[in-house]
Amino acid sequence: LDIGQSITVEQWQQDAGAAGYTARVKYRGAMWDVE
């Protein structure tokens, strides 16, 4: 049921290992890795 829910990302970080952008956000009361 989380698919389609919205989150706010303040800033992205270039992730060399994943070859993309990642961030850490608080979602549903916990910190999540976001890609």
Full PDB file with SEQRES, HELIX, SHEET, SSBOND, CRYST1, ORIGX, SCALE, CONECT and MASTER records, all heavy atoms in Angstrom:
SEQRES   1 A   35  LEU ASP ILE GLY GLN SER ILE THR VAL GLU GLN TRP GLN          
SEQRES   2 A   35  GLN ASP ALA GLY ALA ALA GLY TYR THR ALA ARG VAL LYS          
SEQRES   3 A   35  TYR ARG GLY ALA MET TRP ASP VAL GLU                          
SHEET    1 AA1 3 GLN A  13  ASP A  15  0                                        
SHEET    2 AA1 3 GLY A  20  TYR A  27 -1                                        
SHEET    3 AA1 3 ALA A  30  VAL A  34 -1                                        
CRYST1    1.000    1.000    1.000  90.00  90.00  90.00 P 1           1          
ORIGX1      1.000000  0.000000  0.000000        0.00000                         
ORIGX2      0.000000  1.000000  0.000000        0.00000                         
ORIGX3      0.000000  0.000000  1.000000        0.00000                         
SCALE1      1.000000  0.000000  0.000000        0.00000                         
SCALE2      0.000000  1.000000  0.000000        0.00000                         
SCALE3      0.000000  0.000000  1.000000        0.00000                         
ATOM      1  N   LEU A   1       0.797  -1.226   0.000  1.00  0.00           N  
ATOM      2  CA  LEU A   1       0.000   0.000   0.000  1.00  0.00           C  
ATOM      3  C   LEU A   1       0.830   1.276   0.000  1.00  0.00           C  
ATOM      4  O   LEU A   1       0.283   2.371  -0.136  1.00  0.00           O  
ATOM      5  CB  LEU A   1      -0.944  -0.016   1.209  1.00  0.00           C  
ATOM      6  CG  LEU A   1      -1.959  -1.153   1.206  1.00  0.00           C  
ATOM      7  CD1 LEU A   1      -2.802  -1.104   2.463  1.00  0.00           C  
ATOM      8  CD2 LEU A   1      -2.835  -1.103  -0.025  1.00  0.00           C  
ATOM      9  N   ASP A   2       2.154   1.173   0.149  1.00  0.00           N  
ATOM     10  CA  ASP A   2       3.006   2.353   0.095  1.00  0.00           C  
ATOM     11  C   ASP A   2       3.215   2.852  -1.331  1.00  0.00           C  
ATOM     12  O   ASP A   2       3.575   4.018  -1.524  1.00  0.00           O  
ATOM     13  CB  ASP A   2       4.372   2.059   0.727  1.00  0.00           C  
ATOM     14  CG  ASP A   2       4.265   1.843   2.227  1.00  0.00           C  
ATOM     15  OD1 ASP A   2       3.471   2.555   2.865  1.00  0.00           O  
ATOM     16  OD2 ASP A   2       4.962   0.962   2.751  1.00  0.00           O  
ATOM     17  N   ILE A   3       2.995   1.993  -2.317  1.00  0.00           N  
ATOM     18  CA  ILE A   3       3.177   2.388  -3.714  1.00  0.00           C  
ATOM     19  C   ILE A   3       2.194   3.522  -4.027  1.00  0.00           C  
ATOM     20  O   ILE A   3       1.005   3.417  -3.775  1.00  0.00           O  
ATOM     21  CB  ILE A   3       2.946   1.200  -4.674  1.00  0.00           C  
ATOM     22  CG1 ILE A   3       3.826   0.019  -4.318  1.00  0.00           C  
ATOM     23  CG2 ILE A   3       3.120   1.630  -6.127  1.00  0.00           C  
ATOM     24  CD1 ILE A   3       5.294   0.256  -4.471  1.00  0.00           C  
ATOM     25  N   GLY A   4       2.715   4.620  -4.570  1.00  0.00           N  
ATOM     26  CA  GLY A   4       1.884   5.762  -4.913  1.00  0.00           C  
ATOM     27  C   GLY A   4       1.827   6.827  -3.829  1.00  0.00           C  
ATOM     28  O   GLY A   4       1.341   7.936  -4.075  1.00  0.00           O  
ATOM     29  N   GLN A   5       2.332   6.531  -2.635  1.00  0.00           N  
ATOM     30  CA  GLN A   5       2.345   7.524  -1.554  1.00  0.00           C  
ATOM     31  C   GLN A   5       3.425   8.565  -1.832  1.00  0.00           C  
ATOM     32  O   GLN A   5       4.414   8.298  -2.491  1.00  0.00           O  
ATOM     33  CB  GLN A   5       2.597   6.846  -0.207  1.00  0.00           C  
ATOM     34  CG  GLN A   5       1.524   5.847   0.177  1.00  0.00           C  
ATOM     35  CD  GLN A   5       0.159   6.494   0.312  1.00  0.00           C  
ATOM     36  OE1 GLN A   5       0.024   7.557   0.891  1.00  0.00           O  
ATOM     37  NE2 GLN A   5      -0.852   5.850  -0.250  1.00  0.00           N  
ATOM     38  N   SER A   6       3.224   9.745  -1.282  1.00  0.00           N  
ATOM     39  CA  SER A   6       4.169  10.832  -1.549  1.00  0.00           C  
ATOM     40  C   SER A   6       5.140  11.009  -0.389  1.00  0.00           C  
ATOM     41  O   SER A   6       4.799  10.752   0.762  1.00  0.00           O  
ATOM     42  CB  SER A   6       3.419  12.133  -1.798  1.00  0.00           C  
ATOM     43  OG  SER A   6       2.695  12.491  -0.638  1.00  0.00           O  
ATOM     44  N   ILE A   7       6.349  11.423  -0.730  1.00  0.00           N  
ATOM     45  CA  ILE A   7       7.365  11.788   0.258  1.00  0.00           C  
ATOM     46  C   ILE A   7       8.056  13.051  -0.242  1.00  0.00           C  
ATOM     47  O   ILE A   7       8.019  13.368  -1.434  1.00  0.00           O  
ATOM     48  CB  ILE A   7       8.408  10.668   0.492  1.00  0.00           C  
ATOM     49  CG1 ILE A   7       9.177  10.355  -0.788  1.00  0.00           C  
ATOM     50  CG2 ILE A   7       7.764   9.422   1.058  1.00  0.00           C  
ATOM     51  CD1 ILE A   7      10.345   9.423  -0.565  1.00  0.00           C  
ATOM     52  N   THR A   8       8.691  13.760   0.672  1.00  0.00           N  
ATOM     53  CA  THR A   8       9.429  14.968   0.310  1.00  0.00           C  
ATOM     54  C   THR A   8      10.915  14.715   0.510  1.00  0.00           C  
ATOM     55  O   THR A   8      11.336  14.280   1.580  1.00  0.00           O  
ATOM     56  CB  THR A   8       8.983  16.155   1.177  1.00  0.00           C  
ATOM     57  OG1 THR A   8       7.580  16.339   1.012  1.00  0.00           O  
ATOM     58  CG2 THR A   8       9.711  17.420   0.769  1.00  0.00           C  
ATOM     59  N   VAL A   9      11.672  14.967  -0.537  1.00  0.00           N  
ATOM     60  CA  VAL A   9      13.123  14.827  -0.493  1.00  0.00           C  
ATOM     61  C   VAL A   9      13.714  16.222  -0.623  1.00  0.00           C  
ATOM     62  O   VAL A   9      13.454  16.920  -1.611  1.00  0.00           O  
ATOM     63  CB  VAL A   9      13.637  13.898  -1.613  1.00  0.00           C  
ATOM     64  CG1 VAL A   9      15.153  13.814  -1.582  1.00  0.00           C  
ATOM     65  CG2 VAL A   9      13.010  12.530  -1.520  1.00  0.00           C  
ATOM     66  N   GLU A  10      14.497  16.615   0.390  1.00  0.00           N  
ATOM     67  CA  GLU A  10      15.090  17.962   0.384  1.00  0.00           C  
ATOM     68  C   GLU A  10      16.242  18.062  -0.618  1.00  0.00           C  
ATOM     69  O   GLU A  10      16.315  19.004  -1.390  1.00  0.00           O  
ATOM     70  CB  GLU A  10      15.582  18.322   1.784  1.00  0.00           C  
ATOM     71  CG  GLU A  10      14.470  18.387   2.820  1.00  0.00           C  
ATOM     72  CD  GLU A  10      13.407  19.418   2.498  1.00  0.00           C  
ATOM     73  OE1 GLU A  10      13.738  20.475   1.926  1.00  0.00           O  
ATOM     74  OE2 GLU A  10      12.230  19.147   2.799  1.00  0.00           O  
ATOM     75  N   GLN A  11      17.156  17.088  -0.574  1.00  0.00           N  
ATOM     76  CA  GLN A  11      18.284  17.122  -1.514  1.00  0.00           C  
ATOM     77  C   GLN A  11      18.756  15.706  -1.810  1.00  0.00           C  
ATOM     78  O   GLN A  11      18.617  14.806  -0.998  1.00  0.00           O  
ATOM     79  CB  GLN A  11      19.432  17.970  -0.981  1.00  0.00           C  
ATOM     80  CG  GLN A  11      20.206  17.345   0.158  1.00  0.00           C  
ATOM     81  CD  GLN A  11      21.343  18.244   0.599  1.00  0.00           C  
ATOM     82  OE1 GLN A  11      21.180  19.457   0.649  1.00  0.00           O  
ATOM     83  NE2 GLN A  11      22.471  17.662   0.911  1.00  0.00           N  
ATOM     84  N   TRP A  12      19.308  15.549  -2.991  1.00  0.00           N  
ATOM     85  CA  TRP A  12      19.804  14.252  -3.452  1.00  0.00           C  
ATOM     86  C   TRP A  12      21.318  14.227  -3.358  1.00  0.00           C  
ATOM     87  O   TRP A  12      21.974  15.255  -3.498  1.00  0.00           O  
ATOM     88  CB  TRP A  12      19.372  14.009  -4.898  1.00  0.00           C  
ATOM     89  CG  TRP A  12      17.910  13.808  -5.039  1.00  0.00           C  
ATOM     90  CD1 TRP A  12      16.995  14.741  -5.392  1.00  0.00           C  
ATOM     91  CD2 TRP A  12      17.192  12.611  -4.799  1.00  0.00           C  
ATOM     92  NE1 TRP A  12      15.747  14.195  -5.397  1.00  0.00           N  
ATOM     93  CE2 TRP A  12      15.827  12.881  -5.045  1.00  0.00           C  
ATOM     94  CE3 TRP A  12      17.545  11.322  -4.407  1.00  0.00           C  
ATOM     95  CZ2 TRP A  12      14.837  11.926  -4.911  1.00  0.00           C  
ATOM     96  CZ3 TRP A  12      16.556  10.367  -4.274  1.00  0.00           C  
ATOM     97  CH2 TRP A  12      15.220  10.668  -4.516  1.00  0.00           C  
ATOM     98  N   GLN A  13      21.869  13.035  -3.181  1.00  0.00           N  
ATOM     99  CA  GLN A  13      23.319  12.847  -3.172  1.00  0.00           C  
ATOM    100  C   GLN A  13      23.675  11.876  -4.293  1.00  0.00           C  
ATOM    101  O   GLN A  13      22.994  10.854  -4.475  1.00  0.00           O  
ATOM    102  CB  GLN A  13      23.781  12.264  -1.844  1.00  0.00           C  
ATOM    103  CG  GLN A  13      23.459  13.129  -0.658  1.00  0.00           C  
ATOM    104  CD  GLN A  13      23.673  12.390   0.648  1.00  0.00           C  
ATOM    105  OE1 GLN A  13      24.012  11.218   0.668  1.00  0.00           O  
ATOM    106  NE2 GLN A  13      23.465  13.098   1.743  1.00  0.00           N  
ATOM    107  N   GLN A  14      24.727  12.185  -5.019  1.00  0.00           N  
ATOM    108  CA  GLN A  14      25.200  11.280  -6.061  1.00  0.00           C  
ATOM    109  C   GLN A  14      25.788  10.046  -5.392  1.00  0.00           C  
ATOM    110  O   GLN A  14      26.678  10.159  -4.551  1.00  0.00           O  
ATOM    111  CB  GLN A  14      26.258  11.967  -6.935  1.00  0.00           C  
ATOM    112  CG  GLN A  14      26.822  11.099  -8.033  1.00  0.00           C  
ATOM    113  CD  GLN A  14      25.837  10.884  -9.165  1.00  0.00           C  
ATOM    114  OE1 GLN A  14      25.046  11.742  -9.483  1.00  0.00           O  
ATOM    115  NE2 GLN A  14      25.900   9.717  -9.765  1.00  0.00           N  
ATOM    116  N   ASP A  15      25.296   8.880  -5.735  1.00  0.00           N  
ATOM    117  CA  ASP A  15      25.769   7.627  -5.143  1.00  0.00           C  
ATOM    118  C   ASP A  15      26.612   6.904  -6.179  1.00  0.00           C  
ATOM    119  O   ASP A  15      26.108   6.439  -7.190  1.00  0.00           O  
ATOM    120  CB  ASP A  15      24.591   6.764  -4.706  1.00  0.00           C  
ATOM    121  CG  ASP A  15      25.005   5.528  -3.940  1.00  0.00           C  
ATOM    122  OD1 ASP A  15      26.202   5.414  -3.602  1.00  0.00           O  
ATOM    123  OD2 ASP A  15      24.141   4.682  -3.668  1.00  0.00           O  
ATOM    124  N   ALA A  16      27.900   6.796  -5.920  1.00  0.00           N  
ATOM    125  CA  ALA A  16      28.820   6.171  -6.879  1.00  0.00           C  
ATOM    126  C   ALA A  16      28.546   4.678  -7.015  1.00  0.00           C  
ATOM    127  O   ALA A  16      28.660   4.112  -8.094  1.00  0.00           O  
ATOM    128  CB  ALA A  16      30.264   6.405  -6.453  1.00  0.00           C  
ATOM    129  N   GLY A  17      28.177   4.014  -5.921  1.00  0.00           N  
ATOM    130  CA  GLY A  17      27.951   2.568  -5.968  1.00  0.00           C  
ATOM    131  C   GLY A  17      26.706   2.194  -6.747  1.00  0.00           C  
ATOM    132  O   GLY A  17      26.682   1.215  -7.476  1.00  0.00           O  
ATOM    133  N   ALA A  18      25.649   2.963  -6.625  1.00  0.00           N  
ATOM    134  CA  ALA A  18      24.396   2.633  -7.296  1.00  0.00           C  
ATOM    135  C   ALA A  18      24.259   3.331  -8.638  1.00  0.00           C  
ATOM    136  O   ALA A  18      23.296   3.097  -9.352  1.00  0.00           O  
ATOM    137  CB  ALA A  18      23.214   3.015  -6.401  1.00  0.00           C  
ATOM    138  N   ALA A  19      25.218   4.186  -8.975  1.00  0.00           N  
ATOM    139  CA  ALA A  19      25.197   4.933 -10.239  1.00  0.00           C  
ATOM    140  C   ALA A  19      23.905   5.720 -10.381  1.00  0.00           C  
ATOM    141  O   ALA A  19      23.270   5.741 -11.413  1.00  0.00           O  
ATOM    142  CB  ALA A  19      25.403   4.002 -11.434  1.00  0.00           C  
ATOM    143  N   GLY A  20      23.503   6.373  -9.302  1.00  0.00           N  
ATOM    144  CA  GLY A  20      22.294   7.184  -9.324  1.00  0.00           C  
ATOM    145  C   GLY A  20      22.277   8.121  -8.139  1.00  0.00           C  
ATOM    146  O   GLY A  20      23.312   8.403  -7.536  1.00  0.00           O  
ATOM    147  N   TYR A  21      21.106   8.596  -7.802  1.00  0.00           N  
ATOM    148  CA  TYR A  21      20.957   9.532  -6.697  1.00  0.00           C  
ATOM    149  C   TYR A  21      20.236   8.848  -5.542  1.00  0.00           C  
ATOM    150  O   TYR A  21      19.279   8.105  -5.751  1.00  0.00           O  
ATOM    151  CB  TYR A  21      20.168  10.759  -7.146  1.00  0.00           C  
ATOM    152  CG  TYR A  21      20.929  11.612  -8.113  1.00  0.00           C  
ATOM    153  CD1 TYR A  21      20.792  11.438  -9.482  1.00  0.00           C  
ATOM    154  CD2 TYR A  21      21.788  12.600  -7.648  1.00  0.00           C  
ATOM    155  CE1 TYR A  21      21.497  12.235 -10.373  1.00  0.00           C  
ATOM    156  CE2 TYR A  21      22.490  13.395  -8.533  1.00  0.00           C  
ATOM    157  CZ  TYR A  21      22.341  13.204  -9.880  1.00  0.00           C  
ATOM    158  OH  TYR A  21      23.043  13.990 -10.760  1.00  0.00           O  
ATOM    159  N   THR A  22      20.692   9.132  -4.321  1.00  0.00           N  
ATOM    160  CA  THR A  22      20.076   8.568  -3.121  1.00  0.00           C  
ATOM    161  C   THR A  22      19.843   9.678  -2.109  1.00  0.00           C  
ATOM    162  O   THR A  22      20.406  10.770  -2.218  1.00  0.00           O  
ATOM    163  CB  THR A  22      20.960   7.482  -2.481  1.00  0.00           C  
ATOM    164  OG1 THR A  22      22.196   8.054  -2.106  1.00  0.00           O  
ATOM    165  CG2 THR A  22      21.169   6.314  -3.419  1.00  0.00           C  
ATOM    166  N   ALA A  23      19.020   9.363  -1.123  1.00  0.00           N  
ATOM    167  CA  ALA A  23      18.747  10.298  -0.031  1.00  0.00           C  
ATOM    168  C   ALA A  23      18.231   9.502   1.159  1.00  0.00           C  
ATOM    169  O   ALA A  23      17.946   8.304   1.050  1.00  0.00           O  
ATOM    170  CB  ALA A  23      17.715  11.337  -0.467  1.00  0.00           C  
ATOM    171  N   ARG A  24      18.139  10.159   2.304  1.00  0.00           N  
ATOM    172  CA  ARG A  24      17.537   9.576   3.508  1.00  0.00           C  
ATOM    173  C   ARG A  24      16.365  10.473   3.884  1.00  0.00           C  
ATOM    174  O   ARG A  24      16.514  11.692   3.991  1.00  0.00           O  
ATOM    175  CB  ARG A  24      18.523   9.539   4.667  1.00  0.00           C  
ATOM    176  CG  ARG A  24      19.691   8.638   4.516  1.00  0.00           C  
ATOM    177  CD  ARG A  24      19.506   7.226   4.951  1.00  0.00           C  
ATOM    178  NE  ARG A  24      19.244   7.087   6.384  1.00  0.00           N  
ATOM    179  CZ  ARG A  24      18.740   5.973   6.896  1.00  0.00           C  
ATOM    180  NH1 ARG A  24      18.443   4.972   6.114  1.00  0.00           N  
ATOM    181  NH2 ARG A  24      18.526   5.865   8.182  1.00  0.00           N  
ATOM    182  N   VAL A  25      15.200   9.879   4.058  1.00  0.00           N  
ATOM    183  CA  VAL A  25      14.017  10.649   4.438  1.00  0.00           C  
ATOM    184  C   VAL A  25      13.274   9.934   5.555  1.00  0.00           C  
ATOM    185  O   VAL A  25      13.420   8.717   5.742  1.00  0.00           O  
ATOM    186  CB  VAL A  25      13.057  10.863   3.247  1.00  0.00           C  
ATOM    187  CG1 VAL A  25      13.720  11.651   2.147  1.00  0.00           C  
ATOM    188  CG2 VAL A  25      12.518   9.562   2.730  1.00  0.00           C  
ATOM    189  N   LYS A  26      12.478  10.694   6.260  1.00  0.00           N  
ATOM    190  CA  LYS A  26      11.625  10.129   7.291  1.00  0.00           C  
ATOM    191  C   LYS A  26      10.263   9.833   6.653  1.00  0.00           C  
ATOM    192  O   LYS A  26       9.638  10.723   6.064  1.00  0.00           O  
ATOM    193  CB  LYS A  26      11.473  11.089   8.461  1.00  0.00           C  
ATOM    194  CG  LYS A  26      10.796  10.462   9.640  1.00  0.00           C  
ATOM    195  CD  LYS A  26      10.957  11.316  10.872  1.00  0.00           C  
ATOM    196  CE  LYS A  26      10.440  10.527  12.055  1.00  0.00           C  
ATOM    197  NZ  LYS A  26      10.864  11.079  13.310  1.00  0.00           N  
ATOM    198  N   TYR A  27       9.852   8.580   6.745  1.00  0.00           N  
ATOM    199  CA  TYR A  27       8.578   8.155   6.167  1.00  0.00           C  
ATOM    200  C   TYR A  27       7.939   7.172   7.138  1.00  0.00           C  
ATOM    201  O   TYR A  27       8.587   6.231   7.573  1.00  0.00           O  
ATOM    202  CB  TYR A  27       8.810   7.509   4.787  1.00  0.00           C  
ATOM    203  CG  TYR A  27       7.567   6.907   4.170  1.00  0.00           C  
ATOM    204  CD1 TYR A  27       6.497   7.710   3.799  1.00  0.00           C  
ATOM    205  CD2 TYR A  27       7.467   5.540   3.967  1.00  0.00           C  
ATOM    206  CE1 TYR A  27       5.361   7.160   3.240  1.00  0.00           C  
ATOM    207  CE2 TYR A  27       6.335   4.988   3.407  1.00  0.00           C  
ATOM    208  CZ  TYR A  27       5.286   5.801   3.045  1.00  0.00           C  
ATOM    209  OH  TYR A  27       4.160   5.255   2.499  1.00  0.00           O  
ATOM    210  N   ARG A  28       6.721   7.415   7.513  1.00  0.00           N  
ATOM    211  CA  ARG A  28       5.973   6.594   8.470  1.00  0.00           C  
ATOM    212  C   ARG A  28       6.718   6.425   9.791  1.00  0.00           C  
ATOM    213  O   ARG A  28       6.743   5.357  10.382  1.00  0.00           O  
ATOM    214  CB  ARG A  28       5.631   5.225   7.881  1.00  0.00           C  
ATOM    215  CG  ARG A  28       4.620   5.292   6.770  1.00  0.00           C  
ATOM    216  CD  ARG A  28       4.104   3.941   6.374  1.00  0.00           C  
ATOM    217  NE  ARG A  28       5.152   3.043   5.963  1.00  0.00           N  
ATOM    218  CZ  ARG A  28       5.178   1.747   6.243  1.00  0.00           C  
ATOM    219  NH1 ARG A  28       4.213   1.206   6.932  1.00  0.00           N  
ATOM    220  NH2 ARG A  28       6.172   0.996   5.829  1.00  0.00           N  
ATOM    221  N   GLY A  29       7.363   7.474  10.245  1.00  0.00           N  
ATOM    222  CA  GLY A  29       8.011   7.460  11.538  1.00  0.00           C  
ATOM    223  C   GLY A  29       9.382   6.813  11.580  1.00  0.00           C  
ATOM    224  O   GLY A  29       9.927   6.600  12.655  1.00  0.00           O  
ATOM    225  N   ALA A  30       9.945   6.469  10.432  1.00  0.00           N  
ATOM    226  CA  ALA A  30      11.270   5.833  10.396  1.00  0.00           C  
ATOM    227  C   ALA A  30      12.089   6.432   9.261  1.00  0.00           C  
ATOM    228  O   ALA A  30      11.547   7.002   8.315  1.00  0.00           O  
ATOM    229  CB  ALA A  30      11.133   4.324  10.188  1.00  0.00           C  
ATOM    230  N   MET A  31      13.400   6.293   9.382  1.00  0.00           N  
ATOM    231  CA  MET A  31      14.294   6.771   8.331  1.00  0.00           C  
ATOM    232  C   MET A  31      14.419   5.692   7.249  1.00  0.00           C  
ATOM    233  O   MET A  31      14.634   4.520   7.557  1.00  0.00           O  
ATOM    234  CB  MET A  31      15.671   7.108   8.892  1.00  0.00           C  
ATOM    235  CG  MET A  31      15.665   8.286   9.858  1.00  0.00           C  
ATOM    236  SD  MET A  31      15.031   9.802   9.130  1.00  0.00           S  
ATOM    237  CE  MET A  31      16.362  10.237   8.037  1.00  0.00           C  
ATOM    238  N   TRP A  32      14.280   6.110   6.005  1.00  0.00           N  
ATOM    239  CA  TRP A  32      14.345   5.200   4.863  1.00  0.00           C  
ATOM    240  C   TRP A  32      15.425   5.662   3.897  1.00  0.00           C  
ATOM    241  O   TRP A  32      15.649   6.857   3.723  1.00  0.00           O  
ATOM    242  CB  TRP A  32      13.010   5.188   4.117  1.00  0.00           C  
ATOM    243  CG  TRP A  32      11.899   4.501   4.815  1.00  0.00           C  
ATOM    244  CD1 TRP A  32      11.193   4.963   5.893  1.00  0.00           C  
ATOM    245  CD2 TRP A  32      11.342   3.241   4.475  1.00  0.00           C  
ATOM    246  NE1 TRP A  32      10.224   4.060   6.233  1.00  0.00           N  
ATOM    247  CE2 TRP A  32      10.291   2.987   5.379  1.00  0.00           C  
ATOM    248  CE3 TRP A  32      11.617   2.294   3.499  1.00  0.00           C  
ATOM    249  CZ2 TRP A  32       9.525   1.837   5.339  1.00  0.00           C  
ATOM    250  CZ3 TRP A  32      10.849   1.146   3.448  1.00  0.00           C  
ATOM    251  CH2 TRP A  32       9.825   0.922   4.360  1.00  0.00           C  
ATOM    252  N   ASP A  33      16.049   4.695   3.230  1.00  0.00           N  
ATOM    253  CA  ASP A  33      16.911   4.994   2.093  1.00  0.00           C  
ATOM    254  C   ASP A  33      16.012   5.184   0.888  1.00  0.00           C  
ATOM    255  O   ASP A  33      15.087   4.405   0.656  1.00  0.00           O  
ATOM    256  CB  ASP A  33      17.887   3.850   1.819  1.00  0.00           C  
ATOM    257  CG  ASP A  33      18.935   3.715   2.905  1.00  0.00           C  
ATOM    258  OD1 ASP A  33      19.313   4.746   3.482  1.00  0.00           O  
ATOM    259  OD2 ASP A  33      19.367   2.580   3.169  1.00  0.00           O  
ATOM    260  N   VAL A  34      16.286   6.219   0.131  1.00  0.00           N  
ATOM    261  CA  VAL A  34      15.478   6.536  -1.044  1.00  0.00           C  
ATOM    262  C   VAL A  34      16.398   6.572  -2.253  1.00  0.00           C  
ATOM    263  O   VAL A  34      17.494   7.141  -2.206  1.00  0.00           O  
ATOM    264  CB  VAL A  34      14.762   7.891  -0.881  1.00  0.00           C  
ATOM    265  CG1 VAL A  34      13.953   8.228  -2.113  1.00  0.00           C  
ATOM    266  CG2 VAL A  34      13.873   7.879   0.344  1.00  0.00           C  
ATOM    267  N   GLU A  35      15.941   5.949  -3.335  1.00  0.00           N  
ATOM    268  CA  GLU A  35      16.698   5.963  -4.589  1.00  0.00           C  
ATOM    269  C   GLU A  35      15.829   6.591  -5.660  1.00  0.00           C  
ATOM    270  O   GLU A  35      14.634   6.319  -5.739  1.00  0.00           O  
ATOM    271  CB  GLU A  35      17.072   4.537  -4.973  1.00  0.00           C  
ATOM    272  CG  GLU A  35      17.903   4.424  -6.221  1.00  0.00           C  
ATOM    273  CD  GLU A  35      18.257   2.976  -6.544  1.00  0.00           C  
ATOM    274  OE1 GLU A  35      18.483   2.190  -5.608  1.00  0.00           O  
ATOM    275  OE2 GLU A  35      18.283   2.646  -7.751  1.00  0.00           O  
TER     276      GLU A  35                                                      
MASTER        0    0    0    0    3    0    0    6  275    1    0    3          
END                                                                             
